[in-house]
Amino acid sequence: MADHPAWLSFGSSAQTADSLLVEFHQPLHFVLLDGGSGLPTVRVLPDPDGGERPYELSAEDLTYIEKLRRLVADKQASGKFERPADYQLPPTGSMPSGRVCDLCQLAHYTPWYAEFHRPLKFTILDCDACEVPIAVLAEHRVELTPDEVSFMEQALNLVAEQKYTGRFPKWTFDHTMRQIPDHYHFHVRPLLW
């Protein structure tokens, strides 16, 4: 195994729930863990499908991981996402038809890129309707602070860089919530012209 930074380790996902900040599923499978102070540590995980994935990381892989480490550390250190100790998540939403909100359930039938646990809980995955990356807030609400939206945009942009660079020259955020207007989510779409 080649030399690697001190903040990077390889192995299983053994961590406590309170240390997990983010789990990334693709293009690399790794977690960001709260080390107590400063930048998060990174653990590259084995292939979840049981296949062999070499632990050799390219310079591009390390750059991507480092950008994500810094983004999460900066947002966590800002203190802008703190909730009161007695904060309760809003109840799961329901659709006009009476069924539970699809975004509250978030079934695993499209590729997932990342699950953010702290400092803001949201998921980045491919939209099942349009097959582009989408950021979905974990809570059933639509009122977000500008800082919350900015954090989600920055994280989604890093996923878009990985997915679209070399295929599309530009991409844009689409904050229009067409099918589920009461649960905050937005897409990143490639510009085709």
N, C-alpha and C. Protein backbone atom coordinates (compact mmCIF):
# COMPACT_ATOMS: atom_id res chain seq x y z
N MET A 1 0.84 -1.17 0.00
CA MET A 1 0.00 0.00 0.00
C MET A 1 0.89 1.24 0.00
N ALA A 2 0.54 2.19 -0.82
CA ALA A 2 1.32 3.41 -0.94
C ALA A 2 1.17 4.27 0.31
N ASP A 3 2.11 5.21 0.47
CA ASP A 3 1.99 6.15 1.58
C ASP A 3 0.70 6.94 1.43
N HIS A 4 0.13 7.29 2.56
CA HIS A 4 -1.09 8.08 2.54
C HIS A 4 -1.07 9.07 3.70
N PRO A 5 -1.90 10.11 3.62
CA PRO A 5 -1.92 11.11 4.70
C PRO A 5 -2.30 10.50 6.04
N ALA A 6 -1.88 11.12 7.12
CA ALA A 6 -2.15 10.61 8.47
C ALA A 6 -3.64 10.59 8.79
N TRP A 7 -4.42 11.45 8.16
CA TRP A 7 -5.86 11.52 8.43
C TRP A 7 -6.65 10.43 7.71
N LEU A 8 -5.98 9.61 6.93
CA LEU A 8 -6.63 8.60 6.09
C LEU A 8 -6.32 7.21 6.61
N SER A 9 -7.36 6.39 6.77
CA SER A 9 -7.16 5.00 7.15
C SER A 9 -8.03 4.11 6.27
N PHE A 10 -7.80 2.82 6.33
CA PHE A 10 -8.51 1.85 5.51
C PHE A 10 -9.05 0.76 6.42
N GLY A 11 -10.23 0.27 6.11
CA GLY A 11 -10.75 -0.83 6.91
C GLY A 11 -12.25 -0.86 6.98
N SER A 12 -12.76 -1.41 8.07
CA SER A 12 -14.20 -1.59 8.23
C SER A 12 -14.84 -0.28 8.67
N SER A 13 -16.15 -0.29 8.71
CA SER A 13 -16.89 0.92 9.08
C SER A 13 -17.13 1.00 10.57
N ALA A 14 -16.34 0.31 11.37
CA ALA A 14 -16.54 0.32 12.82
C ALA A 14 -16.37 1.73 13.36
N GLN A 15 -17.47 2.35 13.71
CA GLN A 15 -17.45 3.66 14.33
C GLN A 15 -18.72 3.81 15.15
N THR A 16 -18.70 4.74 16.06
CA THR A 16 -19.90 4.99 16.84
C THR A 16 -20.74 6.02 16.11
N ALA A 17 -22.03 5.97 16.36
CA ALA A 17 -22.95 6.88 15.69
C ALA A 17 -22.60 8.34 15.94
N ASP A 18 -22.06 8.64 17.12
CA ASP A 18 -21.75 10.03 17.42
C ASP A 18 -20.48 10.52 16.73
N SER A 19 -19.67 9.63 16.18
CA SER A 19 -18.48 10.07 15.46
C SER A 19 -18.71 10.17 13.95
N LEU A 20 -19.76 9.56 13.43
CA LEU A 20 -20.03 9.56 11.99
C LEU A 20 -20.57 10.91 11.56
N LEU A 21 -19.87 11.55 10.62
CA LEU A 21 -20.33 12.81 10.05
C LEU A 21 -21.02 12.57 8.71
N VAL A 22 -20.34 11.83 7.82
CA VAL A 22 -20.87 11.59 6.48
C VAL A 22 -20.41 10.22 6.01
N GLU A 23 -21.28 9.51 5.30
CA GLU A 23 -20.87 8.29 4.60
C GLU A 23 -21.05 8.51 3.11
N PHE A 24 -19.97 8.33 2.36
CA PHE A 24 -20.00 8.46 0.90
C PHE A 24 -20.05 7.07 0.29
N HIS A 25 -20.91 6.91 -0.71
CA HIS A 25 -21.11 5.60 -1.32
C HIS A 25 -20.44 5.48 -2.68
N GLN A 26 -20.37 6.57 -3.43
CA GLN A 26 -19.73 6.53 -4.73
C GLN A 26 -19.28 7.93 -5.11
N PRO A 27 -18.28 8.08 -5.92
CA PRO A 27 -17.53 7.06 -6.64
C PRO A 27 -16.59 6.25 -5.75
N LEU A 28 -16.37 6.71 -4.51
CA LEU A 28 -15.55 5.97 -3.54
C LEU A 28 -16.41 5.68 -2.32
N HIS A 29 -16.14 4.60 -1.62
CA HIS A 29 -16.88 4.29 -0.40
C HIS A 29 -15.99 4.64 0.79
N PHE A 30 -16.37 5.71 1.51
CA PHE A 30 -15.58 6.14 2.67
C PHE A 30 -16.47 6.91 3.63
N VAL A 31 -15.98 7.07 4.85
CA VAL A 31 -16.70 7.84 5.85
C VAL A 31 -15.81 8.96 6.37
N LEU A 32 -16.46 10.06 6.75
CA LEU A 32 -15.79 11.13 7.47
C LEU A 32 -16.19 10.97 8.93
N LEU A 33 -15.19 10.93 9.80
CA LEU A 33 -15.42 10.72 11.23
C LEU A 33 -14.95 11.92 12.02
N ASP A 34 -15.70 12.28 13.03
CA ASP A 34 -15.34 13.40 13.90
C ASP A 34 -14.21 12.95 14.81
N GLY A 35 -13.06 13.58 14.64
CA GLY A 35 -11.90 13.24 15.46
C GLY A 35 -11.84 14.03 16.75
N GLY A 36 -12.81 14.88 17.01
CA GLY A 36 -12.82 15.65 18.25
C GLY A 36 -12.46 17.10 18.05
N SER A 37 -11.49 17.37 17.20
CA SER A 37 -11.12 18.75 16.91
C SER A 37 -10.46 18.81 15.55
N GLY A 38 -10.61 19.93 14.90
CA GLY A 38 -10.00 20.10 13.60
C GLY A 38 -10.75 19.37 12.50
N LEU A 39 -10.01 18.99 11.48
CA LEU A 39 -10.60 18.33 10.32
C LEU A 39 -10.99 16.89 10.64
N PRO A 40 -12.06 16.40 10.01
CA PRO A 40 -12.46 15.00 10.23
C PRO A 40 -11.40 14.04 9.70
N THR A 41 -11.40 12.85 10.27
CA THR A 41 -10.56 11.78 9.73
C THR A 41 -11.38 11.03 8.69
N VAL A 42 -10.69 10.27 7.85
CA VAL A 42 -11.34 9.55 6.75
C VAL A 42 -10.99 8.08 6.85
N ARG A 43 -12.00 7.24 6.69
CA ARG A 43 -11.76 5.80 6.60
C ARG A 43 -12.35 5.31 5.28
N VAL A 44 -11.48 4.78 4.42
CA VAL A 44 -11.92 4.18 3.16
C VAL A 44 -12.41 2.78 3.48
N LEU A 45 -13.61 2.46 3.02
CA LEU A 45 -14.26 1.20 3.38
C LEU A 45 -14.17 0.18 2.25
N PRO A 46 -14.29 -1.10 2.61
CA PRO A 46 -14.33 -2.13 1.58
C PRO A 46 -15.57 -1.96 0.71
N ASP A 47 -15.55 -2.56 -0.45
CA ASP A 47 -16.68 -2.53 -1.37
C ASP A 47 -17.91 -3.12 -0.67
N PRO A 48 -19.03 -2.37 -0.58
CA PRO A 48 -20.21 -2.89 0.12
C PRO A 48 -20.83 -4.11 -0.56
N ASP A 49 -20.53 -4.32 -1.83
CA ASP A 49 -21.07 -5.47 -2.55
C ASP A 49 -20.21 -6.71 -2.36
N GLY A 50 -19.17 -6.61 -1.56
CA GLY A 50 -18.32 -7.76 -1.28
C GLY A 50 -17.19 -7.95 -2.29
N GLY A 51 -17.17 -7.14 -3.34
CA GLY A 51 -16.10 -7.25 -4.32
C GLY A 51 -14.80 -6.67 -3.79
N GLU A 52 -13.74 -7.00 -4.44
CA GLU A 52 -12.44 -6.47 -4.02
C GLU A 52 -12.24 -5.10 -4.63
N ARG A 53 -11.99 -4.13 -3.81
CA ARG A 53 -11.67 -2.80 -4.28
C ARG A 53 -10.29 -2.47 -3.74
N PRO A 54 -9.36 -2.18 -4.62
CA PRO A 54 -8.02 -1.86 -4.12
C PRO A 54 -8.03 -0.56 -3.33
N TYR A 55 -7.15 -0.50 -2.36
CA TYR A 55 -7.06 0.69 -1.53
C TYR A 55 -6.10 1.72 -2.13
N GLU A 56 -5.81 1.61 -3.38
CA GLU A 56 -4.96 2.60 -4.03
C GLU A 56 -5.83 3.78 -4.45
N LEU A 57 -5.50 4.95 -3.98
CA LEU A 57 -6.26 6.14 -4.32
C LEU A 57 -5.42 7.02 -5.23
N SER A 58 -6.06 7.55 -6.25
CA SER A 58 -5.37 8.45 -7.17
C SER A 58 -5.25 9.84 -6.54
N ALA A 59 -4.46 10.69 -7.17
CA ALA A 59 -4.34 12.07 -6.71
C ALA A 59 -5.70 12.77 -6.78
N GLU A 60 -6.49 12.44 -7.82
CA GLU A 60 -7.82 13.02 -7.96
C GLU A 60 -8.73 12.56 -6.82
N ASP A 61 -8.64 11.28 -6.44
CA ASP A 61 -9.43 10.76 -5.32
C ASP A 61 -9.10 11.52 -4.04
N LEU A 62 -7.81 11.70 -3.78
CA LEU A 62 -7.39 12.40 -2.56
C LEU A 62 -7.84 13.86 -2.56
N THR A 63 -7.81 14.50 -3.73
CA THR A 63 -8.27 15.89 -3.84
C THR A 63 -9.76 15.98 -3.54
N TYR A 64 -10.54 15.05 -4.10
CA TYR A 64 -11.99 15.00 -3.86
C TYR A 64 -12.28 14.81 -2.37
N ILE A 65 -11.60 13.86 -1.75
CA ILE A 65 -11.80 13.60 -0.32
C ILE A 65 -11.41 14.82 0.51
N GLU A 66 -10.31 15.46 0.17
CA GLU A 66 -9.85 16.63 0.93
C GLU A 66 -10.85 17.79 0.81
N LYS A 67 -11.42 18.01 -0.37
CA LYS A 67 -12.44 19.05 -0.53
C LYS A 67 -13.64 18.77 0.37
N LEU A 68 -14.06 17.53 0.42
CA LEU A 68 -15.20 17.16 1.25
C LEU A 68 -14.88 17.31 2.74
N ARG A 69 -13.68 16.91 3.14
CA ARG A 69 -13.25 17.07 4.55
C ARG A 69 -13.34 18.53 4.96
N ARG A 70 -12.80 19.40 4.12
CA ARG A 70 -12.77 20.82 4.46
C ARG A 70 -14.17 21.43 4.48
N LEU A 71 -15.01 21.04 3.53
CA LEU A 71 -16.39 21.54 3.50
C LEU A 71 -17.12 21.18 4.79
N VAL A 72 -17.07 19.92 5.17
CA VAL A 72 -17.77 19.47 6.37
C VAL A 72 -17.19 20.12 7.62
N ALA A 73 -15.87 20.20 7.71
CA ALA A 73 -15.23 20.82 8.88
C ALA A 73 -15.61 22.29 9.00
N ASP A 74 -15.59 23.01 7.88
CA ASP A 74 -15.95 24.44 7.90
C ASP A 74 -17.39 24.64 8.36
N LYS A 75 -18.29 23.83 7.84
CA LYS A 75 -19.70 23.99 8.20
C LYS A 75 -19.94 23.59 9.65
N GLN A 76 -19.27 22.55 10.11
CA GLN A 76 -19.44 22.13 11.50
C GLN A 76 -18.88 23.18 12.45
N ALA A 77 -17.74 23.75 12.10
CA ALA A 77 -17.10 24.76 12.96
C ALA A 77 -17.88 26.07 13.00
N SER A 78 -18.69 26.33 11.97
CA SER A 78 -19.43 27.59 11.91
C SER A 78 -20.46 27.71 13.02
N GLY A 79 -20.94 26.57 13.53
CA GLY A 79 -21.95 26.59 14.59
C GLY A 79 -23.33 27.02 14.13
N LYS A 80 -23.52 27.19 12.83
CA LYS A 80 -24.79 27.68 12.31
C LYS A 80 -25.85 26.60 12.18
N PHE A 81 -25.50 25.37 12.46
CA PHE A 81 -26.45 24.27 12.29
C PHE A 81 -26.83 23.64 13.62
N GLU A 82 -26.50 24.32 14.71
CA GLU A 82 -26.81 23.79 16.03
C GLU A 82 -28.30 23.80 16.28
N ARG A 83 -28.80 22.74 16.88
CA ARG A 83 -30.21 22.64 17.28
C ARG A 83 -30.26 22.66 18.81
N PRO A 84 -31.34 23.21 19.37
CA PRO A 84 -31.48 23.16 20.83
C PRO A 84 -31.50 21.71 21.31
N ALA A 85 -31.10 21.48 22.55
CA ALA A 85 -31.03 20.12 23.10
C ALA A 85 -32.38 19.43 23.05
N ASP A 86 -33.47 20.19 23.15
CA ASP A 86 -34.81 19.58 23.14
C ASP A 86 -35.46 19.58 21.75
N TYR A 87 -34.66 19.81 20.70
CA TYR A 87 -35.20 19.87 19.34
C TYR A 87 -35.80 18.53 18.93
N GLN A 88 -36.97 18.57 18.35
CA GLN A 88 -37.65 17.36 17.85
C GLN A 88 -37.77 17.48 16.33
N LEU A 89 -37.45 16.40 15.62
CA LEU A 89 -37.65 16.39 14.18
C LEU A 89 -39.13 16.56 13.88
N PRO A 90 -39.47 17.27 12.78
CA PRO A 90 -40.88 17.35 12.41
C PRO A 90 -41.40 15.96 12.06
N PRO A 91 -42.70 15.75 12.17
CA PRO A 91 -43.23 14.43 11.84
C PRO A 91 -43.05 14.12 10.36
N THR A 92 -43.07 12.84 10.03
CA THR A 92 -42.99 12.43 8.63
C THR A 92 -44.17 13.04 7.90
N GLY A 93 -43.91 13.56 6.72
CA GLY A 93 -44.97 14.19 5.94
C GLY A 93 -45.81 13.19 5.18
N SER A 94 -46.91 13.67 4.69
CA SER A 94 -47.76 12.82 3.86
C SER A 94 -48.16 13.58 2.61
N MET A 95 -48.44 12.83 1.58
CA MET A 95 -48.83 13.39 0.30
C MET A 95 -50.33 13.69 0.32
N PRO A 96 -50.82 14.51 -0.62
CA PRO A 96 -52.26 14.76 -0.68
C PRO A 96 -53.08 13.47 -0.80
N SER A 97 -52.47 12.44 -1.40
CA SER A 97 -53.17 11.16 -1.55
C SER A 97 -53.28 10.41 -0.23
N GLY A 98 -52.57 10.88 0.81
CA GLY A 98 -52.61 10.22 2.11
C GLY A 98 -51.44 9.29 2.37
N ARG A 99 -50.66 8.97 1.33
CA ARG A 99 -49.51 8.10 1.58
C ARG A 99 -48.34 8.91 2.14
N VAL A 100 -47.41 8.21 2.75
CA VAL A 100 -46.25 8.85 3.38
C VAL A 100 -45.38 9.48 2.29
N CYS A 101 -44.79 10.61 2.61
CA CYS A 101 -43.91 11.34 1.68
C CYS A 101 -42.78 10.44 1.20
N ASP A 102 -42.62 10.37 -0.12
CA ASP A 102 -41.55 9.55 -0.72
C ASP A 102 -40.17 10.01 -0.28
N LEU A 103 -39.99 11.31 -0.10
CA LEU A 103 -38.67 11.82 0.29
C LEU A 103 -38.37 11.56 1.77
N CYS A 104 -39.40 11.40 2.59
CA CYS A 104 -39.17 11.02 3.99
C CYS A 104 -38.72 9.56 4.07
N GLN A 105 -39.23 8.74 3.16
CA GLN A 105 -38.88 7.31 3.18
C GLN A 105 -37.55 7.03 2.50
N LEU A 106 -37.24 7.71 1.41
CA LEU A 106 -35.99 7.55 0.66
C LEU A 106 -35.59 6.09 0.47
N ALA A 107 -36.34 5.39 -0.32
CA ALA A 107 -36.02 3.99 -0.63
C ALA A 107 -34.71 3.92 -1.42
N HIS A 108 -34.00 2.84 -1.25
CA HIS A 108 -32.69 2.64 -1.90
C HIS A 108 -32.85 1.98 -3.27
N TYR A 109 -33.52 2.62 -4.21
CA TYR A 109 -33.59 2.01 -5.53
C TYR A 109 -32.92 2.83 -6.61
N THR A 110 -32.21 3.87 -6.24
CA THR A 110 -31.33 4.58 -7.16
C THR A 110 -29.97 4.71 -6.48
N PRO A 111 -28.92 4.99 -7.24
CA PRO A 111 -27.59 5.13 -6.61
C PRO A 111 -27.56 6.28 -5.60
N TRP A 112 -26.93 6.00 -4.46
CA TRP A 112 -26.73 7.01 -3.42
C TRP A 112 -25.27 7.45 -3.46
N TYR A 113 -25.05 8.75 -3.30
CA TYR A 113 -23.69 9.30 -3.28
C TYR A 113 -23.21 9.54 -1.85
N ALA A 114 -24.06 10.13 -1.03
CA ALA A 114 -23.62 10.48 0.33
C ALA A 114 -24.80 10.64 1.27
N GLU A 115 -24.55 10.26 2.53
CA GLU A 115 -25.51 10.49 3.61
C GLU A 115 -24.83 11.38 4.64
N PHE A 116 -25.28 12.61 4.74
CA PHE A 116 -24.73 13.56 5.70
C PHE A 116 -25.51 13.41 7.01
N HIS A 117 -24.78 13.19 8.10
CA HIS A 117 -25.40 13.04 9.42
C HIS A 117 -25.24 14.30 10.26
N ARG A 118 -24.06 14.92 10.18
CA ARG A 118 -23.78 16.15 10.90
C ARG A 118 -22.87 17.01 10.05
N PRO A 119 -22.95 18.28 10.09
CA PRO A 119 -23.76 19.10 10.98
C PRO A 119 -25.20 19.28 10.50
N LEU A 120 -25.54 18.90 9.29
CA LEU A 120 -26.90 18.99 8.76
C LEU A 120 -27.23 17.65 8.14
N LYS A 121 -28.40 17.12 8.43
CA LYS A 121 -28.76 15.78 7.96
C LYS A 121 -29.48 15.88 6.61
N PHE A 122 -28.81 15.34 5.56
CA PHE A 122 -29.41 15.26 4.23
C PHE A 122 -28.71 14.17 3.45
N THR A 123 -29.31 13.80 2.32
CA THR A 123 -28.79 12.72 1.49
C THR A 123 -28.66 13.20 0.06
N ILE A 124 -27.61 12.73 -0.62
CA ILE A 124 -27.44 13.00 -2.05
C ILE A 124 -27.54 11.66 -2.77
N LEU A 125 -28.45 11.59 -3.72
CA LEU A 125 -28.69 10.37 -4.48
C LEU A 125 -29.16 10.74 -5.87
N ASP A 126 -29.31 9.76 -6.75
CA ASP A 126 -29.88 10.03 -8.07
C ASP A 126 -31.40 10.07 -7.95
N CYS A 127 -32.00 11.07 -8.56
CA CYS A 127 -33.46 11.21 -8.57
C CYS A 127 -34.05 10.06 -9.38
N ASP A 128 -35.09 9.43 -8.86
CA ASP A 128 -35.69 8.30 -9.58
C ASP A 128 -36.51 8.76 -10.79
N ALA A 129 -36.87 10.04 -10.87
CA ALA A 129 -37.65 10.54 -12.00
C ALA A 129 -36.77 11.03 -13.14
N CYS A 130 -35.64 11.68 -12.82
CA CYS A 130 -34.84 12.28 -13.89
C CYS A 130 -33.39 11.80 -13.93
N GLU A 131 -33.00 10.95 -13.00
CA GLU A 131 -31.68 10.32 -12.99
C GLU A 131 -30.51 11.30 -12.92
N VAL A 132 -30.70 12.43 -12.25
CA VAL A 132 -29.60 13.35 -11.97
C VAL A 132 -29.46 13.43 -10.45
N PRO A 133 -28.29 13.84 -9.96
CA PRO A 133 -28.12 13.94 -8.50
C PRO A 133 -29.10 14.94 -7.88
N ILE A 134 -29.58 14.56 -6.72
CA ILE A 134 -30.54 15.37 -5.98
C ILE A 134 -30.12 15.38 -4.51
N ALA A 135 -30.25 16.53 -3.87
CA ALA A 135 -30.00 16.64 -2.43
C ALA A 135 -31.35 16.71 -1.74
N VAL A 136 -31.55 15.85 -0.74
CA VAL A 136 -32.83 15.76 -0.03
C VAL A 136 -32.59 15.99 1.46
N LEU A 137 -33.23 17.00 2.00
CA LEU A 137 -33.16 17.27 3.43
C LEU A 137 -33.81 16.11 4.18
N ALA A 138 -33.25 15.73 5.31
CA ALA A 138 -33.80 14.60 6.07
C ALA A 138 -35.12 14.96 6.74
N GLU A 139 -35.32 16.22 7.06
CA GLU A 139 -36.54 16.64 7.74
C GLU A 139 -37.60 17.03 6.72
N HIS A 140 -38.86 16.78 7.07
CA HIS A 140 -39.98 17.15 6.20
C HIS A 140 -40.34 18.61 6.47
N ARG A 141 -39.66 19.50 5.76
CA ARG A 141 -39.90 20.94 5.86
C ARG A 141 -39.34 21.60 4.62
N VAL A 142 -39.77 22.85 4.37
CA VAL A 142 -39.26 23.58 3.21
C VAL A 142 -38.55 24.87 3.58
N GLU A 143 -38.69 25.31 4.80
CA GLU A 143 -38.04 26.56 5.22
C GLU A 143 -36.62 26.26 5.70
N LEU A 144 -35.64 26.66 4.90
CA LEU A 144 -34.24 26.47 5.26
C LEU A 144 -33.55 27.82 5.38
N THR A 145 -32.51 27.85 6.17
CA THR A 145 -31.71 29.07 6.26
C THR A 145 -30.81 29.13 5.03
N PRO A 146 -30.34 30.31 4.67
CA PRO A 146 -29.39 30.41 3.57
C PRO A 146 -28.14 29.55 3.80
N ASP A 147 -27.69 29.44 5.05
CA ASP A 147 -26.52 28.61 5.35
C ASP A 147 -26.79 27.13 5.08
N GLU A 148 -27.98 26.66 5.41
CA GLU A 148 -28.32 25.26 5.14
C GLU A 148 -28.35 24.99 3.64
N VAL A 149 -28.97 25.90 2.89
CA VAL A 149 -29.04 25.73 1.43
C VAL A 149 -27.63 25.77 0.84
N SER A 150 -26.81 26.69 1.30
CA SER A 150 -25.45 26.82 0.80
C SER A 150 -24.64 25.54 1.03
N PHE A 151 -24.74 24.97 2.22
CA PHE A 151 -24.02 23.74 2.54
C PHE A 151 -24.47 22.61 1.61
N MET A 152 -25.77 22.46 1.44
CA MET A 152 -26.28 21.41 0.56
C MET A 152 -25.81 21.64 -0.88
N GLU A 153 -25.83 22.89 -1.34
CA GLU A 153 -25.36 23.20 -2.70
C GLU A 153 -23.89 22.87 -2.87
N GLN A 154 -23.07 23.24 -1.90
CA GLN A 154 -21.63 22.97 -2.02
C GLN A 154 -21.36 21.47 -2.07
N ALA A 155 -22.05 20.71 -1.24
CA ALA A 155 -21.87 19.25 -1.25
C ALA A 155 -22.35 18.66 -2.57
N LEU A 156 -23.52 19.09 -3.04
CA LEU A 156 -24.05 18.58 -4.30
C LEU A 156 -23.16 18.97 -5.47
N ASN A 157 -22.56 20.15 -5.42
CA ASN A 157 -21.66 20.57 -6.48
C ASN A 157 -20.43 19.66 -6.56
N LEU A 158 -19.90 19.23 -5.41
CA LEU A 158 -18.75 18.31 -5.43
C LEU A 158 -19.13 16.97 -6.06
N VAL A 159 -20.34 16.49 -5.80
CA VAL A 159 -20.82 15.26 -6.45
C VAL A 159 -20.95 15.50 -7.95
N ALA A 160 -21.49 16.66 -8.33
CA ALA A 160 -21.64 16.99 -9.76
C ALA A 160 -20.29 17.06 -10.46
N GLU A 161 -19.29 17.63 -9.79
CA GLU A 161 -17.94 17.67 -10.38
C GLU A 161 -17.46 16.26 -10.71
N GLN A 162 -17.67 15.34 -9.78
CA GLN A 162 -17.24 13.95 -10.01
C GLN A 162 -18.03 13.30 -11.14
N LYS A 163 -19.32 13.57 -11.20
CA LYS A 163 -20.18 12.90 -12.18
C LYS A 163 -20.12 13.54 -13.57
N TYR A 164 -20.03 14.87 -13.63
CA TYR A 164 -20.20 15.56 -14.90
C TYR A 164 -18.92 16.04 -15.57
N THR A 165 -17.83 16.23 -14.81
CA THR A 165 -16.60 16.73 -15.42
C THR A 165 -16.15 15.80 -16.53
N GLY A 166 -15.86 16.39 -17.68
CA GLY A 166 -15.45 15.61 -18.85
C GLY A 166 -16.63 15.17 -19.71
N ARG A 167 -17.83 15.24 -19.17
CA ARG A 167 -19.03 14.87 -19.93
C ARG A 167 -19.86 16.09 -20.31
N PHE A 168 -19.92 17.06 -19.40
CA PHE A 168 -20.71 18.27 -19.62
C PHE A 168 -19.87 19.46 -19.17
N PRO A 169 -19.93 20.57 -19.93
CA PRO A 169 -19.10 21.73 -19.56
C PRO A 169 -19.61 22.49 -18.34
N LYS A 170 -20.92 22.46 -18.11
CA LYS A 170 -21.51 23.21 -17.00
C LYS A 170 -22.70 22.44 -16.43
N TRP A 171 -23.07 22.82 -15.22
CA TRP A 171 -24.28 22.28 -14.60
C TRP A 171 -24.89 23.38 -13.75
N THR A 172 -26.14 23.19 -13.38
CA THR A 172 -26.85 24.21 -12.62
C THR A 172 -27.76 23.58 -11.57
N PHE A 173 -28.03 24.32 -10.52
CA PHE A 173 -28.95 23.85 -9.49
C PHE A 173 -30.37 24.18 -9.91
N ASP A 174 -31.27 23.26 -9.69
CA ASP A 174 -32.69 23.44 -9.98
C ASP A 174 -33.43 23.27 -8.66
N HIS A 175 -33.86 24.38 -8.07
CA HIS A 175 -34.53 24.35 -6.77
C HIS A 175 -36.05 24.25 -6.87
N THR A 176 -36.57 24.04 -8.08
CA THR A 176 -38.01 23.90 -8.24
C THR A 176 -38.45 22.53 -7.76
N MET A 177 -39.34 22.51 -6.78
CA MET A 177 -39.82 21.24 -6.21
C MET A 177 -41.17 20.92 -6.85
N ARG A 178 -41.13 20.20 -7.95
CA ARG A 178 -42.32 19.98 -8.76
C ARG A 178 -43.29 18.97 -8.16
N GLN A 179 -42.82 17.76 -7.90
CA GLN A 179 -43.73 16.69 -7.50
C GLN A 179 -43.98 16.64 -5.99
N ILE A 180 -43.01 17.06 -5.21
CA ILE A 180 -43.16 17.04 -3.75
C ILE A 180 -42.76 18.42 -3.23
N PRO A 181 -43.71 19.37 -3.26
CA PRO A 181 -43.36 20.76 -2.93
C PRO A 181 -43.21 21.07 -1.45
N ASP A 182 -43.52 20.12 -0.56
CA ASP A 182 -43.45 20.42 0.86
C ASP A 182 -42.31 19.72 1.59
N HIS A 183 -41.36 19.16 0.84
CA HIS A 183 -40.17 18.54 1.44
C HIS A 183 -38.98 19.05 0.64
N TYR A 184 -38.07 19.79 1.31
CA TYR A 184 -37.01 20.48 0.58
C TYR A 184 -36.05 19.52 -0.10
N HIS A 185 -35.88 19.75 -1.39
CA HIS A 185 -34.94 18.99 -2.22
C HIS A 185 -34.63 19.82 -3.45
N PHE A 186 -33.50 19.54 -4.07
CA PHE A 186 -33.17 20.20 -5.33
C PHE A 186 -32.18 19.35 -6.11
N HIS A 187 -32.17 19.58 -7.43
CA HIS A 187 -31.36 18.80 -8.35
C HIS A 187 -30.15 19.60 -8.82
N VAL A 188 -29.17 18.90 -9.35
CA VAL A 188 -28.09 19.53 -10.10
C VAL A 188 -28.16 18.92 -11.50
N ARG A 189 -28.42 19.78 -12.49
CA ARG A 189 -28.66 19.30 -13.85
C ARG A 189 -27.55 19.78 -14.79
N PRO A 190 -27.11 18.90 -15.70
CA PRO A 190 -26.12 19.34 -16.68
C PRO A 190 -26.77 20.30 -17.68
N LEU A 191 -26.01 21.31 -18.08
CA LEU A 191 -26.48 22.20 -19.14
C LEU A 191 -26.05 21.58 -20.46
N LEU A 192 -26.99 21.36 -21.32
CA LEU A 192 -26.72 20.63 -22.56
C LEU A 192 -26.45 21.55 -23.74
N TRP A 193 -26.38 22.85 -23.52
CA TRP A 193 -26.08 23.76 -24.62
C TRP A 193 -24.98 24.70 -24.25
